Amino acid sequence: DIYMSKEIHFQRKSEVLKRFRFSKSTLANRINEGTFLPNCSMGLRSVVWISHELDAMAAAIASGKSNDEIKQLVSSLVKQRQELS
């Protein structure tokens, strides 16, 4: 299980935007389309992403995965998050 084998590190929105070279609107659109990971809430005004999930996203994008394949990856990663609780 990816969560049990790794220490969890977080990245803030500004770091995600810089890493993936997205504008805020592009990030929001991709999340809504299911082609990018949704964030995790850390409180009323703070959201983060999980670093190793972002690594998986970057690898999928770099290897030329289709939007459908990326949607499957996003779905799988979100499911793993939900299984933690």
PDB file of N, CA and C in Angstrom:
ATOM      1  N   ASP A   1       0.848  -1.191   0.000  1.00  0.00           N
ATOM      2  CA  ASP A   1       0.000   0.000   0.000  1.00  0.00           C
ATOM      3  C   ASP A   1       0.881   1.238   0.000  1.00  0.00           C
ATOM      4  N   ILE A   2       0.618   2.152  -0.894  1.00  0.00           N
ATOM      5  CA  ILE A   2       1.466   3.328  -1.081  1.00  0.00           C
ATOM      6  C   ILE A   2       1.536   4.203   0.166  1.00  0.00           C
ATOM      7  N   TYR A   3       0.463   4.258   0.962  1.00  0.00           N
ATOM      8  CA  TYR A   3       0.460   5.116   2.144  1.00  0.00           C
ATOM      9  C   TYR A   3       1.198   4.494   3.311  1.00  0.00           C
ATOM     10  N   MET A   4       1.186   3.206   3.401  1.00  0.00           N
ATOM     11  CA  MET A   4       1.852   2.548   4.519  1.00  0.00           C
ATOM     12  C   MET A   4       3.357   2.470   4.321  1.00  0.00           C
ATOM     13  N   SER A   5       3.810   2.543   3.091  1.00  0.00           N
ATOM     14  CA  SER A   5       5.232   2.382   2.812  1.00  0.00           C
ATOM     15  C   SER A   5       5.980   3.711   2.757  1.00  0.00           C
ATOM     16  N   LYS A   6       5.276   4.830   2.852  1.00  0.00           N
ATOM     17  CA  LYS A   6       5.921   6.137   2.709  1.00  0.00           C
ATOM     18  C   LYS A   6       5.465   7.078   3.808  1.00  0.00           C
ATOM     19  N   GLU A   7       6.363   7.947   4.196  1.00  0.00           N
ATOM     20  CA  GLU A   7       5.996   9.050   5.062  1.00  0.00           C
ATOM     21  C   GLU A   7       5.224  10.049   4.212  1.00  0.00           C
ATOM     22  N   ILE A   8       4.170  10.610   4.754  1.00  0.00           N
ATOM     23  CA  ILE A   8       3.341  11.515   3.972  1.00  0.00           C
ATOM     24  C   ILE A   8       3.855  12.946   4.118  1.00  0.00           C
ATOM     25  N   HIS A   9       4.126  13.572   2.974  1.00  0.00           N
ATOM     26  CA  HIS A   9       4.547  14.969   2.912  1.00  0.00           C
ATOM     27  C   HIS A   9       3.510  15.737   2.096  1.00  0.00           C
ATOM     28  N   PHE A  10       3.336  16.992   2.445  1.00  0.00           N
ATOM     29  CA  PHE A  10       2.328  17.818   1.791  1.00  0.00           C
ATOM     30  C   PHE A  10       2.962  18.943   1.007  1.00  0.00           C
ATOM     31  N   GLN A  11       2.238  19.388  -0.025  1.00  0.00           N
ATOM     32  CA  GLN A  11       2.642  20.566  -0.786  1.00  0.00           C
ATOM     33  C   GLN A  11       1.464  21.522  -0.856  1.00  0.00           C
ATOM     34  N   ARG A  12       1.760  22.785  -0.676  1.00  0.00           N
ATOM     35  CA  ARG A  12       0.733  23.826  -0.741  1.00  0.00           C
ATOM     36  C   ARG A  12       0.384  24.142  -2.197  1.00  0.00           C
ATOM     37  N   LYS A  13      -0.723  24.834  -2.365  1.00  0.00           N
ATOM     38  CA  LYS A  13      -1.220  25.158  -3.702  1.00  0.00           C
ATOM     39  C   LYS A  13      -0.178  25.907  -4.529  1.00  0.00           C
ATOM     40  N   SER A  14       0.509  26.863  -3.912  1.00  0.00           N
ATOM     41  CA  SER A  14       1.509  27.635  -4.660  1.00  0.00           C
ATOM     42  C   SER A  14       2.618  26.736  -5.205  1.00  0.00           C
ATOM     43  N   GLU A  15       2.992  25.716  -4.442  1.00  0.00           N
ATOM     44  CA  GLU A  15       4.025  24.781  -4.891  1.00  0.00           C
ATOM     45  C   GLU A  15       3.518  23.912  -6.039  1.00  0.00           C
ATOM     46  N   VAL A  16       2.255  23.504  -5.959  1.00  0.00           N
ATOM     47  CA  VAL A  16       1.652  22.681  -7.015  1.00  0.00           C
ATOM     48  C   VAL A  16       1.561  23.483  -8.310  1.00  0.00           C
ATOM     49  N   LEU A  17       1.105  24.732  -8.209  1.00  0.00           N
ATOM     50  CA  LEU A  17       0.994  25.585  -9.394  1.00  0.00           C
ATOM     51  C   LEU A  17       2.357  25.786 -10.047  1.00  0.00           C
ATOM     52  N   LYS A  18       3.371  25.986  -9.238  1.00  0.00           N
ATOM     53  CA  LYS A  18       4.726  26.188  -9.766  1.00  0.00           C
ATOM     54  C   LYS A  18       5.272  24.901 -10.393  1.00  0.00           C
ATOM     55  N   ARG A  19       5.083  23.773  -9.710  1.00  0.00           N
ATOM     56  CA  ARG A  19       5.618  22.501 -10.198  1.00  0.00           C
ATOM     57  C   ARG A  19       5.012  22.092 -11.536  1.00  0.00           C
ATOM     58  N   PHE A  20       3.685  22.261 -11.666  1.00  0.00           N
ATOM     59  CA  PHE A  20       3.001  21.803 -12.873  1.00  0.00           C
ATOM     60  C   PHE A  20       2.784  22.915 -13.893  1.00  0.00           C
ATOM     61  N   ARG A  21       3.209  24.126 -13.566  1.00  0.00           N
ATOM     62  CA  ARG A  21       3.093  25.273 -14.466  1.00  0.00           C
ATOM     63  C   ARG A  21       1.643  25.523 -14.875  1.00  0.00           C
ATOM     64  N   PHE A  22       0.732  25.391 -13.907  1.00  0.00           N
ATOM     65  CA  PHE A  22      -0.686  25.638 -14.132  1.00  0.00           C
ATOM     66  C   PHE A  22      -1.057  27.004 -13.572  1.00  0.00           C
ATOM     67  N   SER A  23      -2.050  27.617 -14.192  1.00  0.00           N
ATOM     68  CA  SER A  23      -2.692  28.778 -13.567  1.00  0.00           C
ATOM     69  C   SER A  23      -3.708  28.224 -12.561  1.00  0.00           C
ATOM     70  N   LYS A  24      -4.214  29.092 -11.703  1.00  0.00           N
ATOM     71  CA  LYS A  24      -5.230  28.657 -10.737  1.00  0.00           C
ATOM     72  C   LYS A  24      -6.461  28.112 -11.449  1.00  0.00           C
ATOM     73  N   SER A  25      -6.866  28.772 -12.539  1.00  0.00           N
ATOM     74  CA  SER A  25      -8.062  28.321 -13.261  1.00  0.00           C
ATOM     75  C   SER A  25      -7.822  26.984 -13.963  1.00  0.00           C
ATOM     76  N   THR A  26      -6.633  26.775 -14.513  1.00  0.00           N
ATOM     77  CA  THR A  26      -6.326  25.486 -15.150  1.00  0.00           C
ATOM     78  C   THR A  26      -6.343  24.369 -14.116  1.00  0.00           C
ATOM     79  N   LEU A  27      -5.767  24.625 -12.954  1.00  0.00           N
ATOM     80  CA  LEU A  27      -5.777  23.622 -11.884  1.00  0.00           C
ATOM     81  C   LEU A  27      -7.216  23.284 -11.502  1.00  0.00           C
ATOM     82  N   ALA A  28      -8.040  24.298 -11.299  1.00  0.00           N
ATOM     83  CA  ALA A  28      -9.445  24.061 -10.935  1.00  0.00           C
ATOM     84  C   ALA A  28     -10.175  23.281 -12.030  1.00  0.00           C
ATOM     85  N   ASN A  29      -9.949  23.648 -13.287  1.00  0.00           N
ATOM     86  CA  ASN A  29     -10.593  22.931 -14.399  1.00  0.00           C
ATOM     87  C   ASN A  29     -10.169  21.475 -14.445  1.00  0.00           C
ATOM     88  N   ARG A  30      -8.893  21.231 -14.265  1.00  0.00           N
ATOM     89  CA  ARG A  30      -8.406  19.841 -14.318  1.00  0.00           C
ATOM     90  C   ARG A  30      -8.955  19.014 -13.162  1.00  0.00           C
ATOM     91  N   ILE A  31      -9.050  19.604 -11.992  1.00  0.00           N
ATOM     92  CA  ILE A  31      -9.644  18.891 -10.851  1.00  0.00           C
ATOM     93  C   ILE A  31     -11.099  18.558 -11.170  1.00  0.00           C
ATOM     94  N   ASN A  32     -11.846  19.539 -11.692  1.00  0.00           N
ATOM     95  CA  ASN A  32     -13.257  19.319 -12.035  1.00  0.00           C
ATOM     96  C   ASN A  32     -13.438  18.267 -13.117  1.00  0.00           C
ATOM     97  N   GLU A  33     -12.488  18.175 -14.058  1.00  0.00           N
ATOM     98  CA  GLU A  33     -12.538  17.172 -15.138  1.00  0.00           C
ATOM     99  C   GLU A  33     -12.124  15.784 -14.653  1.00  0.00           C
ATOM    100  N   GLY A  34     -11.471  15.734 -13.490  1.00  0.00           N
ATOM    101  CA  GLY A  34     -10.963  14.460 -12.988  1.00  0.00           C
ATOM    102  C   GLY A  34      -9.592  14.113 -13.527  1.00  0.00           C
ATOM    103  N   THR A  35      -8.912  15.098 -14.160  1.00  0.00           N
ATOM    104  CA  THR A  35      -7.582  14.836 -14.709  1.00  0.00           C
ATOM    105  C   THR A  35      -6.463  15.391 -13.824  1.00  0.00           C
ATOM    106  N   PHE A  36      -6.819  15.781 -12.604  1.00  0.00           N
ATOM    107  CA  PHE A  36      -5.823  16.166 -11.612  1.00  0.00           C
ATOM    108  C   PHE A  36      -6.378  15.867 -10.238  1.00  0.00           C
ATOM    109  N   LEU A  37      -5.485  15.598  -9.332  1.00  0.00           N
ATOM    110  CA  LEU A  37      -5.861  15.215  -7.975  1.00  0.00           C
ATOM    111  C   LEU A  37      -6.595  16.325  -7.234  1.00  0.00           C
ATOM    112  N   PRO A  38      -7.655  15.979  -6.516  1.00  0.00           N
ATOM    113  CA  PRO A  38      -8.269  16.980  -5.649  1.00  0.00           C
ATOM    114  C   PRO A  38      -7.356  17.236  -4.445  1.00  0.00           C
ATOM    115  N   ASN A  39      -7.554  18.389  -3.828  1.00  0.00           N
ATOM    116  CA  ASN A  39      -6.727  18.722  -2.674  1.00  0.00           C
ATOM    117  C   ASN A  39      -7.268  18.063  -1.411  1.00  0.00           C
ATOM    118  N   CYS A  40      -6.515  18.210  -0.349  1.00  0.00           N
ATOM    119  CA  CYS A  40      -6.914  17.769   0.986  1.00  0.00           C
ATOM    120  C   CYS A  40      -7.062  19.025   1.840  1.00  0.00           C
ATOM    121  N   SER A  41      -8.127  19.117   2.577  1.00  0.00           N
ATOM    122  CA  SER A  41      -8.340  20.274   3.437  1.00  0.00           C
ATOM    123  C   SER A  41      -7.546  20.104   4.725  1.00  0.00           C
ATOM    124  N   MET A  42      -6.840  21.165   5.091  1.00  0.00           N
ATOM    125  CA  MET A  42      -6.082  21.164   6.340  1.00  0.00           C
ATOM    126  C   MET A  42      -6.689  22.148   7.337  1.00  0.00           C
ATOM    127  N   GLY A  43      -7.857  22.645   7.046  1.00  0.00           N
ATOM    128  CA  GLY A  43      -8.515  23.613   7.908  1.00  0.00           C
ATOM    129  C   GLY A  43      -9.410  24.501   7.081  1.00  0.00           C
ATOM    130  N   LEU A  44      -9.887  25.561   7.683  1.00  0.00           N
ATOM    131  CA  LEU A  44     -10.847  26.428   7.009  1.00  0.00           C
ATOM    132  C   LEU A  44     -10.298  27.074   5.748  1.00  0.00           C
ATOM    133  N   ARG A  45      -9.036  27.476   5.767  1.00  0.00           N
ATOM    134  CA  ARG A  45      -8.477  28.217   4.628  1.00  0.00           C
ATOM    135  C   ARG A  45      -7.178  27.627   4.102  1.00  0.00           C
ATOM    136  N   SER A  46      -6.950  26.375   4.365  1.00  0.00           N
ATOM    137  CA  SER A  46      -5.691  25.763   3.957  1.00  0.00           C
ATOM    138  C   SER A  46      -5.933  24.439   3.247  1.00  0.00           C
ATOM    139  N   VAL A  47      -5.382  24.318   2.043  1.00  0.00           N
ATOM    140  CA  VAL A  47      -5.465  23.063   1.299  1.00  0.00           C
ATOM    141  C   VAL A  47      -4.054  22.628   0.903  1.00  0.00           C
ATOM    142  N   VAL A  48      -3.879  21.332   0.788  1.00  0.00           N
ATOM    143  CA  VAL A  48      -2.581  20.757   0.410  1.00  0.00           C
ATOM    144  C   VAL A  48      -2.812  19.577  -0.517  1.00  0.00           C
ATOM    145  N   TRP A  49      -1.739  19.146  -1.143  1.00  0.00           N
ATOM    146  CA  TRP A  49      -1.722  17.918  -1.930  1.00  0.00           C
ATOM    147  C   TRP A  49      -0.660  17.010  -1.339  1.00  0.00           C
ATOM    148  N   ILE A  50      -0.793  15.715  -1.551  1.00  0.00           N
ATOM    149  CA  ILE A  50       0.139  14.726  -1.022  1.00  0.00           C
ATOM    150  C   ILE A  50       1.260  14.539  -2.047  1.00  0.00           C
ATOM    151  N   SER A  51       2.483  14.707  -1.582  1.00  0.00           N
ATOM    152  CA  SER A  51       3.652  14.744  -2.473  1.00  0.00           C
ATOM    153  C   SER A  51       3.793  13.505  -3.347  1.00  0.00           C
ATOM    154  N   HIS A  52       3.667  12.311  -2.762  1.00  0.00           N
ATOM    155  CA  HIS A  52       3.884  11.121  -3.602  1.00  0.00           C
ATOM    156  C   HIS A  52       2.758  10.923  -4.616  1.00  0.00           C
ATOM    157  N   GLU A  53       1.566  11.459  -4.347  1.00  0.00           N
ATOM    158  CA  GLU A  53       0.516  11.438  -5.358  1.00  0.00           C
ATOM    159  C   GLU A  53       0.878  12.375  -6.510  1.00  0.00           C
ATOM    160  N   LEU A  54       1.440  13.521  -6.176  1.00  0.00           N
ATOM    161  CA  LEU A  54       1.883  14.461  -7.213  1.00  0.00           C
ATOM    162  C   LEU A  54       3.009  13.858  -8.045  1.00  0.00           C
ATOM    163  N   ASP A  55       3.890  13.087  -7.411  1.00  0.00           N
ATOM    164  CA  ASP A  55       4.952  12.395  -8.153  1.00  0.00           C
ATOM    165  C   ASP A  55       4.353  11.438  -9.177  1.00  0.00           C
ATOM    166  N   ALA A  56       3.304  10.718  -8.766  1.00  0.00           N
ATOM    167  CA  ALA A  56       2.632   9.782  -9.681  1.00  0.00           C
ATOM    168  C   ALA A  56       1.968  10.538 -10.834  1.00  0.00           C
ATOM    169  N   MET A  57       1.371  11.689 -10.526  1.00  0.00           N
ATOM    170  CA  MET A  57       0.759  12.521 -11.576  1.00  0.00           C
ATOM    171  C   MET A  57       1.817  13.009 -12.563  1.00  0.00           C
ATOM    172  N   ALA A  58       2.925  13.502 -12.041  1.00  0.00           N
ATOM    173  CA  ALA A  58       3.994  14.006 -12.902  1.00  0.00           C
ATOM    174  C   ALA A  58       4.519  12.899 -13.813  1.00  0.00           C
ATOM    175  N   ALA A  59       4.694  11.716 -13.270  1.00  0.00           N
ATOM    176  CA  ALA A  59       5.182  10.584 -14.065  1.00  0.00           C
ATOM    177  C   ALA A  59       4.187  10.223 -15.161  1.00  0.00           C
ATOM    178  N   ALA A  60       2.898  10.243 -14.837  1.00  0.00           N
ATOM    179  CA  ALA A  60       1.870   9.914 -15.829  1.00  0.00           C
ATOM    180  C   ALA A  60       1.852  10.941 -16.953  1.00  0.00           C
ATOM    181  N   ILE A  61       1.947  12.211 -16.589  1.00  0.00           N
ATOM    182  CA  ILE A  61       1.962  13.274 -17.602  1.00  0.00           C
ATOM    183  C   ILE A  61       3.223  13.167 -18.458  1.00  0.00           C
ATOM    184  N   ALA A  62       4.366  12.971 -17.813  1.00  0.00           N
ATOM    185  CA  ALA A  62       5.638  12.905 -18.537  1.00  0.00           C
ATOM    186  C   ALA A  62       5.709  11.706 -19.477  1.00  0.00           C
ATOM    187  N   SER A  63       5.042  10.620 -19.098  1.00  0.00           N
ATOM    188  CA  SER A  63       5.090   9.422 -19.945  1.00  0.00           C
ATOM    189  C   SER A  63       4.026   9.435 -21.036  1.00  0.00           C
ATOM    190  N   GLY A  64       3.265  10.524 -21.110  1.00  0.00           N
ATOM    191  CA  GLY A  64       2.306  10.666 -22.197  1.00  0.00           C
ATOM    192  C   GLY A  64       1.004   9.915 -22.015  1.00  0.00           C
ATOM    193  N   LYS A  65       0.624   9.642 -20.779  1.00  0.00           N
ATOM    194  CA  LYS A  65      -0.645   8.946 -20.536  1.00  0.00           C
ATOM    195  C   LYS A  65      -1.805   9.779 -21.079  1.00  0.00           C
ATOM    196  N   SER A  66      -2.823   9.097 -21.546  1.00  0.00           N
ATOM    197  CA  SER A  66      -4.020   9.769 -22.067  1.00  0.00           C
ATOM    198  C   SER A  66      -4.831  10.345 -20.908  1.00  0.00           C
ATOM    199  N   ASN A  67      -5.760  11.233 -21.228  1.00  0.00           N
ATOM    200  CA  ASN A  67      -6.638  11.778 -20.192  1.00  0.00           C
ATOM    201  C   ASN A  67      -7.421  10.686 -19.488  1.00  0.00           C
ATOM    202  N   ASP A  68      -7.861   9.678 -20.220  1.00  0.00           N
ATOM    203  CA  ASP A  68      -8.590   8.564 -19.599  1.00  0.00           C
ATOM    204  C   ASP A  68      -7.698   7.803 -18.629  1.00  0.00           C
ATOM    205  N   GLU A  69      -6.446   7.572 -18.998  1.00  0.00           N
ATOM    206  CA  GLU A  69      -5.511   6.882 -18.105  1.00  0.00           C
ATOM    207  C   GLU A  69      -5.208   7.727 -16.867  1.00  0.00           C
ATOM    208  N   ILE A  70      -5.096   9.031 -17.053  1.00  0.00           N
ATOM    209  CA  ILE A  70      -4.848   9.921 -15.916  1.00  0.00           C
ATOM    210  C   ILE A  70      -6.067   9.953 -15.001  1.00  0.00           C
ATOM    211  N   LYS A  71      -7.268   9.953 -15.564  1.00  0.00           N
ATOM    212  CA  LYS A  71      -8.483   9.898 -14.747  1.00  0.00           C
ATOM    213  C   LYS A  71      -8.509   8.625 -13.906  1.00  0.00           C
ATOM    214  N   GLN A  72      -8.091   7.512 -14.492  1.00  0.00           N
ATOM    215  CA  GLN A  72      -8.032   6.247 -13.741  1.00  0.00           C
ATOM    216  C   GLN A  72      -7.022   6.337 -12.604  1.00  0.00           C
ATOM    217  N   LEU A  73      -5.885   6.956 -12.857  1.00  0.00           N
ATOM    218  CA  LEU A  73      -4.873   7.145 -11.819  1.00  0.00           C
ATOM    219  C   LEU A  73      -5.425   8.008 -10.687  1.00  0.00           C
ATOM    220  N   VAL A  74      -6.051   9.119 -11.034  1.00  0.00           N
ATOM    221  CA  VAL A  74      -6.638  10.013 -10.023  1.00  0.00           C
ATOM    222  C   VAL A  74      -7.660   9.247  -9.185  1.00  0.00           C
ATOM    223  N   SER A  75      -8.519   8.508  -9.845  1.00  0.00           N
ATOM    224  CA  SER A  75      -9.546   7.731  -9.144  1.00  0.00           C
ATOM    225  C   SER A  75      -8.924   6.726  -8.184  1.00  0.00           C
ATOM    226  N   SER A  76      -7.891   6.063  -8.638  1.00  0.00           N
ATOM    227  CA  SER A  76      -7.206   5.077  -7.808  1.00  0.00           C
ATOM    228  C   SER A  76      -6.549   5.719  -6.584  1.00  0.00           C
ATOM    229  N   LEU A  77      -5.900   6.851  -6.786  1.00  0.00           N
ATOM    230  CA  LEU A  77      -5.234   7.533  -5.676  1.00  0.00           C
ATOM    231  C   LEU A  77      -6.249   8.067  -4.656  1.00  0.00           C
ATOM    232  N   VAL A  78      -7.372   8.598  -5.143  1.00  0.00           N
ATOM    233  CA  VAL A  78      -8.415   9.093  -4.234  1.00  0.00           C
ATOM    234  C   VAL A  78      -9.012   7.925  -3.448  1.00  0.00           C
ATOM    235  N   LYS A  79      -9.205   6.808  -4.094  1.00  0.00           N
ATOM    236  CA  LYS A  79      -9.735   5.625  -3.406  1.00  0.00           C
ATOM    237  C   LYS A  79      -8.789   5.180  -2.300  1.00  0.00           C
ATOM    238  N   GLN A  80      -7.485   5.201  -2.574  1.00  0.00           N
ATOM    239  CA  GLN A  80      -6.516   4.820  -1.542  1.00  0.00           C
ATOM    240  C   GLN A  80      -6.569   5.761  -0.348  1.00  0.00           C
ATOM    241  N   ARG A  81      -6.777   7.048  -0.595  1.00  0.00           N
ATOM    242  CA  ARG A  81      -6.930   8.019   0.493  1.00  0.00           C
ATOM    243  C   ARG A  81      -8.110   7.644   1.379  1.00  0.00           C
ATOM    244  N   GLN A  82      -9.215   7.324   0.738  1.00  0.00           N
ATOM    245  CA  GLN A  82     -10.454   7.025   1.473  1.00  0.00           C
ATOM    246  C   GLN A  82     -10.325   5.754   2.295  1.00  0.00           C
ATOM    247  N   GLU A  83      -9.504   4.824   1.847  1.00  0.00           N
ATOM    248  CA  GLU A  83      -9.325   3.572   2.567  1.00  0.00           C
ATOM    249  C   GLU A  83      -8.488   3.737   3.829  1.00  0.00           C
ATOM    250  N   LEU A  84      -7.844   4.890   3.979  1.00  0.00           N
ATOM    251  CA  LEU A  84      -7.047   5.160   5.171  1.00  0.00           C
ATOM    252  C   LEU A  84      -7.893   5.325   6.421  1.00  0.00           C
ATOM    253  N   SER A  85      -9.078   5.885   6.253  1.00  0.00           N
ATOM    254  CA  SER A  85      -9.883   6.226   7.430  1.00  0.00           C
ATOM    255  C   SER A  85     -10.642   5.060   8.005  1.00  0.00           C
TER     256      SER A  85
END
